[in-house]
Amino acid sequence: LPDDLRYTPDHEWCRLDQAGKVATVGSLPTHKISWEMWSMSSFPKVGAAITKGQSFGVVESTKAVSELYAPVSGKVIAANTALLDKPEVINGEPYGGGWMIQIEVGNPAEVEALLDAASYSKRV
């Protein structure tokens, strides 16, 4: 696991930019998207307010349906809608091209409250 990310118990990851204002969010392939056949059904609209713990999308496979949850509150400023057509990018580049949304962080303390890599590893 990358040490520069923060993690949720629900297996989402969050990378804060150097200015501490924008969080790039994705999901760990080891949990929700390690299935052979899966798809994403939606993303929140850019400009929408989002609350920590709020669902921001759904991944579906032949085996299960799982919600994706926002690790922090703020405003959605970007969505990687290319994943709707090419979701397999997440399996190959979960921390790069497989990012899902970017959030302008409303409360930086929420980022600090997320799990670091060592703490997350102990939970899974």
N, C-alpha and C. Protein backbone atom coordinates (compact mmCIF):
# COMPACT_ATOMS: atom_id res chain seq x y z
N LEU A 1 0.83 -1.20 0.00
CA LEU A 1 0.00 0.00 0.00
C LEU A 1 0.87 1.25 0.00
N PRO A 2 0.52 2.24 -0.80
CA PRO A 2 1.29 3.48 -0.79
C PRO A 2 1.17 4.21 0.55
N ASP A 3 2.30 4.66 1.07
CA ASP A 3 2.32 5.35 2.36
C ASP A 3 1.77 6.77 2.29
N ASP A 4 1.69 7.35 1.09
CA ASP A 4 1.24 8.74 0.99
C ASP A 4 -0.28 8.86 0.90
N LEU A 5 -0.99 7.75 0.99
CA LEU A 5 -2.45 7.75 0.92
C LEU A 5 -3.05 7.55 2.29
N ARG A 6 -4.32 7.91 2.42
CA ARG A 6 -5.12 7.60 3.60
C ARG A 6 -6.22 6.65 3.14
N TYR A 7 -6.73 5.85 4.07
CA TYR A 7 -7.65 4.77 3.72
C TYR A 7 -8.87 4.77 4.64
N THR A 8 -9.98 4.24 4.12
CA THR A 8 -11.18 4.08 4.93
C THR A 8 -11.35 2.60 5.27
N PRO A 9 -12.11 2.29 6.31
CA PRO A 9 -12.41 0.88 6.59
C PRO A 9 -13.21 0.22 5.46
N ASP A 10 -13.86 1.04 4.62
CA ASP A 10 -14.64 0.53 3.49
C ASP A 10 -13.79 0.34 2.23
N HIS A 11 -12.47 0.53 2.36
CA HIS A 11 -11.50 0.23 1.30
C HIS A 11 -11.38 1.30 0.20
N GLU A 12 -11.79 2.53 0.51
CA GLU A 12 -11.49 3.62 -0.39
C GLU A 12 -10.16 4.24 0.03
N TRP A 13 -9.47 4.85 -0.92
CA TRP A 13 -8.23 5.56 -0.61
C TRP A 13 -8.38 7.03 -0.97
N CYS A 14 -7.52 7.84 -0.37
CA CYS A 14 -7.60 9.29 -0.54
C CYS A 14 -6.18 9.85 -0.58
N ARG A 15 -5.89 10.64 -1.61
CA ARG A 15 -4.58 11.31 -1.72
C ARG A 15 -4.82 12.81 -1.70
N LEU A 16 -4.25 13.50 -0.74
CA LEU A 16 -4.40 14.94 -0.63
C LEU A 16 -3.31 15.62 -1.45
N ASP A 17 -3.66 16.67 -2.19
CA ASP A 17 -2.65 17.40 -2.97
C ASP A 17 -1.72 18.17 -2.02
N GLN A 18 -0.63 18.70 -2.56
CA GLN A 18 0.37 19.37 -1.72
C GLN A 18 -0.19 20.58 -1.00
N ALA A 19 -1.17 21.24 -1.58
CA ALA A 19 -1.77 22.41 -0.94
C ALA A 19 -2.76 22.02 0.15
N GLY A 20 -3.11 20.73 0.22
CA GLY A 20 -4.05 20.26 1.23
C GLY A 20 -5.49 20.63 0.95
N LYS A 21 -5.79 20.92 -0.31
CA LYS A 21 -7.14 21.39 -0.67
C LYS A 21 -7.97 20.38 -1.46
N VAL A 22 -7.29 19.51 -2.23
CA VAL A 22 -8.00 18.60 -3.12
C VAL A 22 -7.63 17.16 -2.79
N ALA A 23 -8.66 16.34 -2.60
CA ALA A 23 -8.47 14.91 -2.34
C ALA A 23 -8.84 14.13 -3.59
N THR A 24 -7.91 13.32 -4.08
CA THR A 24 -8.20 12.38 -5.15
C THR A 24 -8.59 11.07 -4.49
N VAL A 25 -9.70 10.49 -4.94
CA VAL A 25 -10.30 9.33 -4.28
C VAL A 25 -10.39 8.16 -5.24
N GLY A 26 -10.13 6.98 -4.73
CA GLY A 26 -10.30 5.75 -5.50
C GLY A 26 -10.68 4.61 -4.57
N SER A 27 -10.73 3.42 -5.11
CA SER A 27 -11.09 2.24 -4.33
C SER A 27 -10.01 1.18 -4.51
N LEU A 28 -9.76 0.45 -3.46
CA LEU A 28 -8.73 -0.58 -3.50
C LEU A 28 -9.24 -1.80 -4.27
N PRO A 29 -8.51 -2.26 -5.26
CA PRO A 29 -8.96 -3.40 -6.05
C PRO A 29 -9.02 -4.69 -5.24
N THR A 30 -8.32 -4.75 -4.14
CA THR A 30 -8.33 -5.97 -3.33
C THR A 30 -9.69 -6.22 -2.71
N HIS A 31 -10.54 -5.21 -2.65
CA HIS A 31 -11.85 -5.40 -2.03
C HIS A 31 -12.98 -5.40 -3.06
N LYS A 32 -13.31 -4.26 -3.58
CA LYS A 32 -14.53 -4.12 -4.35
C LYS A 32 -14.40 -4.54 -5.80
N ILE A 33 -13.23 -4.39 -6.38
CA ILE A 33 -13.14 -4.54 -7.81
C ILE A 33 -12.09 -5.56 -8.25
N SER A 34 -11.97 -6.62 -7.46
CA SER A 34 -11.03 -7.66 -7.84
C SER A 34 -11.72 -8.76 -8.64
N TRP A 35 -12.99 -8.54 -8.98
CA TRP A 35 -13.73 -9.54 -9.72
C TRP A 35 -13.37 -9.49 -11.20
N GLU A 36 -13.63 -10.58 -11.89
CA GLU A 36 -13.27 -10.65 -13.30
C GLU A 36 -14.12 -9.71 -14.16
N MET A 37 -15.42 -9.69 -13.96
CA MET A 37 -16.33 -8.88 -14.77
C MET A 37 -17.06 -7.91 -13.86
N TRP A 38 -16.89 -6.62 -14.10
CA TRP A 38 -17.58 -5.64 -13.28
C TRP A 38 -17.78 -4.37 -14.08
N SER A 39 -18.62 -3.51 -13.57
CA SER A 39 -18.86 -2.23 -14.23
C SER A 39 -19.22 -1.18 -13.18
N MET A 40 -19.08 0.07 -13.56
CA MET A 40 -19.47 1.18 -12.71
C MET A 40 -20.71 1.79 -13.32
N SER A 41 -21.67 2.16 -12.48
CA SER A 41 -22.92 2.65 -13.03
C SER A 41 -23.07 4.17 -13.01
N SER A 42 -22.32 4.87 -12.15
CA SER A 42 -22.51 6.32 -12.10
C SER A 42 -21.41 6.99 -11.30
N PHE A 43 -21.36 8.31 -11.44
CA PHE A 43 -20.49 9.17 -10.64
C PHE A 43 -21.32 10.38 -10.22
N PRO A 44 -20.93 11.06 -9.15
CA PRO A 44 -21.65 12.29 -8.80
C PRO A 44 -21.33 13.38 -9.83
N LYS A 45 -22.21 14.36 -9.91
CA LYS A 45 -21.99 15.48 -10.83
C LYS A 45 -20.91 16.40 -10.29
N VAL A 46 -20.08 16.91 -11.19
CA VAL A 46 -19.09 17.91 -10.81
C VAL A 46 -19.84 19.13 -10.28
N GLY A 47 -19.39 19.64 -9.14
CA GLY A 47 -20.04 20.77 -8.49
C GLY A 47 -20.96 20.35 -7.36
N ALA A 48 -21.28 19.07 -7.28
CA ALA A 48 -22.17 18.58 -6.23
C ALA A 48 -21.46 18.55 -4.88
N ALA A 49 -22.21 18.86 -3.84
CA ALA A 49 -21.69 18.71 -2.48
C ALA A 49 -21.73 17.23 -2.13
N ILE A 50 -20.74 16.80 -1.37
CA ILE A 50 -20.68 15.41 -0.94
C ILE A 50 -20.27 15.38 0.53
N THR A 51 -20.82 14.45 1.27
CA THR A 51 -20.56 14.33 2.70
C THR A 51 -19.78 13.06 2.98
N LYS A 52 -18.87 13.14 3.92
CA LYS A 52 -18.10 11.96 4.32
C LYS A 52 -19.06 10.81 4.61
N GLY A 53 -18.79 9.65 4.02
CA GLY A 53 -19.62 8.47 4.21
C GLY A 53 -20.76 8.35 3.21
N GLN A 54 -20.99 9.38 2.41
CA GLN A 54 -22.05 9.36 1.40
C GLN A 54 -21.63 8.49 0.22
N SER A 55 -22.56 7.73 -0.31
CA SER A 55 -22.28 6.92 -1.49
C SER A 55 -22.03 7.84 -2.68
N PHE A 56 -20.97 7.56 -3.44
CA PHE A 56 -20.72 8.35 -4.64
C PHE A 56 -20.73 7.50 -5.90
N GLY A 57 -21.05 6.24 -5.78
CA GLY A 57 -21.12 5.37 -6.94
C GLY A 57 -21.35 3.93 -6.55
N VAL A 58 -21.52 3.12 -7.56
CA VAL A 58 -21.77 1.70 -7.36
C VAL A 58 -20.91 0.92 -8.34
N VAL A 59 -20.30 -0.15 -7.85
CA VAL A 59 -19.63 -1.10 -8.74
C VAL A 59 -20.44 -2.39 -8.73
N GLU A 60 -20.60 -2.96 -9.90
CA GLU A 60 -21.39 -4.18 -10.04
C GLU A 60 -20.56 -5.23 -10.75
N SER A 61 -20.70 -6.46 -10.30
CA SER A 61 -20.06 -7.58 -10.98
C SER A 61 -21.07 -8.70 -11.07
N THR A 62 -20.64 -9.80 -11.65
CA THR A 62 -21.52 -10.96 -11.70
C THR A 62 -21.70 -11.57 -10.32
N LYS A 63 -20.84 -11.19 -9.37
CA LYS A 63 -20.88 -11.77 -8.04
C LYS A 63 -21.49 -10.86 -6.98
N ALA A 64 -21.45 -9.53 -7.17
CA ALA A 64 -21.90 -8.64 -6.10
C ALA A 64 -22.13 -7.23 -6.62
N VAL A 65 -22.78 -6.44 -5.78
CA VAL A 65 -22.95 -5.00 -6.00
C VAL A 65 -22.42 -4.32 -4.75
N SER A 66 -21.54 -3.34 -4.92
CA SER A 66 -20.96 -2.64 -3.78
C SER A 66 -21.03 -1.13 -3.98
N GLU A 67 -21.32 -0.44 -2.90
CA GLU A 67 -21.33 1.03 -2.91
C GLU A 67 -19.91 1.54 -2.71
N LEU A 68 -19.64 2.72 -3.24
CA LEU A 68 -18.40 3.44 -3.00
C LEU A 68 -18.75 4.62 -2.10
N TYR A 69 -17.92 4.91 -1.10
CA TYR A 69 -18.24 5.94 -0.12
C TYR A 69 -17.18 7.03 -0.09
N ALA A 70 -17.63 8.27 0.01
CA ALA A 70 -16.72 9.41 0.08
C ALA A 70 -15.95 9.38 1.40
N PRO A 71 -14.62 9.46 1.35
CA PRO A 71 -13.84 9.46 2.59
C PRO A 71 -13.82 10.81 3.29
N VAL A 72 -14.17 11.88 2.57
CA VAL A 72 -14.17 13.23 3.13
C VAL A 72 -15.35 14.01 2.55
N SER A 73 -15.69 15.10 3.23
CA SER A 73 -16.75 16.00 2.77
C SER A 73 -16.17 17.12 1.93
N GLY A 74 -16.98 17.67 1.05
CA GLY A 74 -16.55 18.81 0.25
C GLY A 74 -17.37 18.92 -1.02
N LYS A 75 -16.74 19.44 -2.07
CA LYS A 75 -17.40 19.62 -3.36
C LYS A 75 -16.67 18.78 -4.41
N VAL A 76 -17.44 18.02 -5.18
CA VAL A 76 -16.85 17.23 -6.26
C VAL A 76 -16.38 18.19 -7.35
N ILE A 77 -15.08 18.13 -7.66
CA ILE A 77 -14.54 19.03 -8.69
C ILE A 77 -14.12 18.28 -9.96
N ALA A 78 -14.07 16.96 -9.90
CA ALA A 78 -13.75 16.16 -11.09
C ALA A 78 -14.24 14.73 -10.87
N ALA A 79 -14.64 14.10 -11.96
CA ALA A 79 -15.02 12.69 -11.94
C ALA A 79 -14.35 12.01 -13.13
N ASN A 80 -13.76 10.87 -12.89
CA ASN A 80 -13.05 10.13 -13.93
C ASN A 80 -14.05 9.29 -14.71
N THR A 81 -14.88 9.96 -15.51
CA THR A 81 -15.95 9.27 -16.23
C THR A 81 -15.43 8.30 -17.28
N ALA A 82 -14.16 8.37 -17.63
CA ALA A 82 -13.59 7.39 -18.56
C ALA A 82 -13.70 5.98 -18.00
N LEU A 83 -13.78 5.86 -16.68
CA LEU A 83 -13.91 4.54 -16.06
C LEU A 83 -15.24 3.87 -16.36
N LEU A 84 -16.25 4.66 -16.72
CA LEU A 84 -17.54 4.07 -17.07
C LEU A 84 -17.42 3.20 -18.31
N ASP A 85 -16.53 3.58 -19.22
CA ASP A 85 -16.30 2.80 -20.45
C ASP A 85 -15.15 1.81 -20.32
N LYS A 86 -14.17 2.13 -19.48
CA LYS A 86 -12.98 1.27 -19.33
C LYS A 86 -12.68 1.04 -17.85
N PRO A 87 -13.58 0.36 -17.12
CA PRO A 87 -13.37 0.16 -15.69
C PRO A 87 -12.16 -0.71 -15.37
N GLU A 88 -11.68 -1.48 -16.35
CA GLU A 88 -10.53 -2.35 -16.10
C GLU A 88 -9.27 -1.56 -15.76
N VAL A 89 -9.25 -0.26 -16.04
CA VAL A 89 -8.10 0.58 -15.69
C VAL A 89 -7.85 0.52 -14.18
N ILE A 90 -8.89 0.39 -13.40
CA ILE A 90 -8.73 0.37 -11.94
C ILE A 90 -7.89 -0.82 -11.51
N ASN A 91 -8.08 -1.97 -12.14
CA ASN A 91 -7.28 -3.14 -11.76
C ASN A 91 -5.81 -2.95 -12.07
N GLY A 92 -5.49 -2.28 -13.18
CA GLY A 92 -4.10 -2.08 -13.57
C GLY A 92 -3.44 -0.86 -12.96
N GLU A 93 -4.23 0.19 -12.72
CA GLU A 93 -3.69 1.45 -12.21
C GLU A 93 -4.59 2.01 -11.10
N PRO A 94 -4.79 1.29 -10.01
CA PRO A 94 -5.73 1.77 -9.00
C PRO A 94 -5.37 3.12 -8.40
N TYR A 95 -4.09 3.44 -8.32
CA TYR A 95 -3.66 4.70 -7.70
C TYR A 95 -3.28 5.75 -8.73
N GLY A 96 -3.37 5.43 -10.00
CA GLY A 96 -3.04 6.36 -11.07
C GLY A 96 -4.28 6.67 -11.89
N GLY A 97 -4.34 6.09 -13.10
CA GLY A 97 -5.47 6.33 -13.98
C GLY A 97 -6.78 5.79 -13.47
N GLY A 98 -6.75 4.98 -12.41
CA GLY A 98 -7.96 4.41 -11.84
C GLY A 98 -8.62 5.25 -10.76
N TRP A 99 -8.16 6.50 -10.57
CA TRP A 99 -8.83 7.37 -9.59
C TRP A 99 -10.28 7.56 -10.02
N MET A 100 -11.15 7.87 -9.06
CA MET A 100 -12.58 7.96 -9.36
C MET A 100 -13.12 9.38 -9.32
N ILE A 101 -12.92 10.08 -8.21
CA ILE A 101 -13.39 11.46 -8.10
C ILE A 101 -12.35 12.31 -7.39
N GLN A 102 -12.46 13.62 -7.57
CA GLN A 102 -11.65 14.57 -6.82
C GLN A 102 -12.61 15.47 -6.05
N ILE A 103 -12.26 15.70 -4.79
CA ILE A 103 -13.10 16.49 -3.90
C ILE A 103 -12.31 17.67 -3.37
N GLU A 104 -12.89 18.86 -3.49
CA GLU A 104 -12.33 20.03 -2.83
C GLU A 104 -12.70 19.87 -1.35
N VAL A 105 -11.70 19.65 -0.52
CA VAL A 105 -11.92 19.26 0.87
C VAL A 105 -12.52 20.40 1.68
N GLY A 106 -13.62 20.11 2.37
CA GLY A 106 -14.25 21.10 3.22
C GLY A 106 -13.64 21.16 4.61
N ASN A 107 -13.17 20.02 5.11
CA ASN A 107 -12.61 19.94 6.46
C ASN A 107 -11.35 19.06 6.41
N PRO A 108 -10.16 19.68 6.38
CA PRO A 108 -8.92 18.90 6.30
C PRO A 108 -8.73 17.90 7.45
N ALA A 109 -9.36 18.13 8.58
CA ALA A 109 -9.26 17.20 9.70
C ALA A 109 -9.85 15.84 9.35
N GLU A 110 -10.81 15.81 8.43
CA GLU A 110 -11.38 14.53 8.01
C GLU A 110 -10.33 13.66 7.32
N VAL A 111 -9.44 14.28 6.58
CA VAL A 111 -8.37 13.52 5.91
C VAL A 111 -7.44 12.93 6.96
N GLU A 112 -7.05 13.74 7.93
CA GLU A 112 -6.14 13.28 8.98
C GLU A 112 -6.75 12.16 9.81
N ALA A 113 -8.07 12.11 9.90
CA ALA A 113 -8.75 11.08 10.69
C ALA A 113 -8.80 9.73 9.97
N LEU A 114 -8.49 9.71 8.68
CA LEU A 114 -8.48 8.44 7.95
C LEU A 114 -7.28 7.59 8.36
N LEU A 115 -7.32 6.33 8.02
CA LEU A 115 -6.26 5.39 8.39
C LEU A 115 -5.01 5.60 7.55
N ASP A 116 -3.85 5.52 8.18
CA ASP A 116 -2.61 5.49 7.39
C ASP A 116 -2.42 4.05 6.88
N ALA A 117 -1.42 3.84 6.04
CA ALA A 117 -1.23 2.52 5.41
C ALA A 117 -1.03 1.41 6.44
N ALA A 118 -0.24 1.67 7.48
CA ALA A 118 0.02 0.65 8.50
C ALA A 118 -1.26 0.28 9.25
N SER A 119 -2.04 1.29 9.62
CA SER A 119 -3.29 1.03 10.35
C SER A 119 -4.30 0.29 9.47
N TYR A 120 -4.38 0.68 8.21
CA TYR A 120 -5.29 0.01 7.30
C TYR A 120 -4.89 -1.46 7.12
N SER A 121 -3.60 -1.71 6.95
CA SER A 121 -3.11 -3.08 6.75
C SER A 121 -3.47 -3.99 7.92
N LYS A 122 -3.46 -3.45 9.13
CA LYS A 122 -3.81 -4.24 10.31
C LYS A 122 -5.28 -4.62 10.34
N ARG A 123 -6.12 -3.83 9.67
CA ARG A 123 -7.57 -4.05 9.70
C ARG A 123 -8.04 -5.04 8.65
N VAL A 124 -7.24 -5.25 7.61
CA VAL A 124 -7.72 -6.13 6.54
C VAL A 124 -7.03 -7.48 6.57
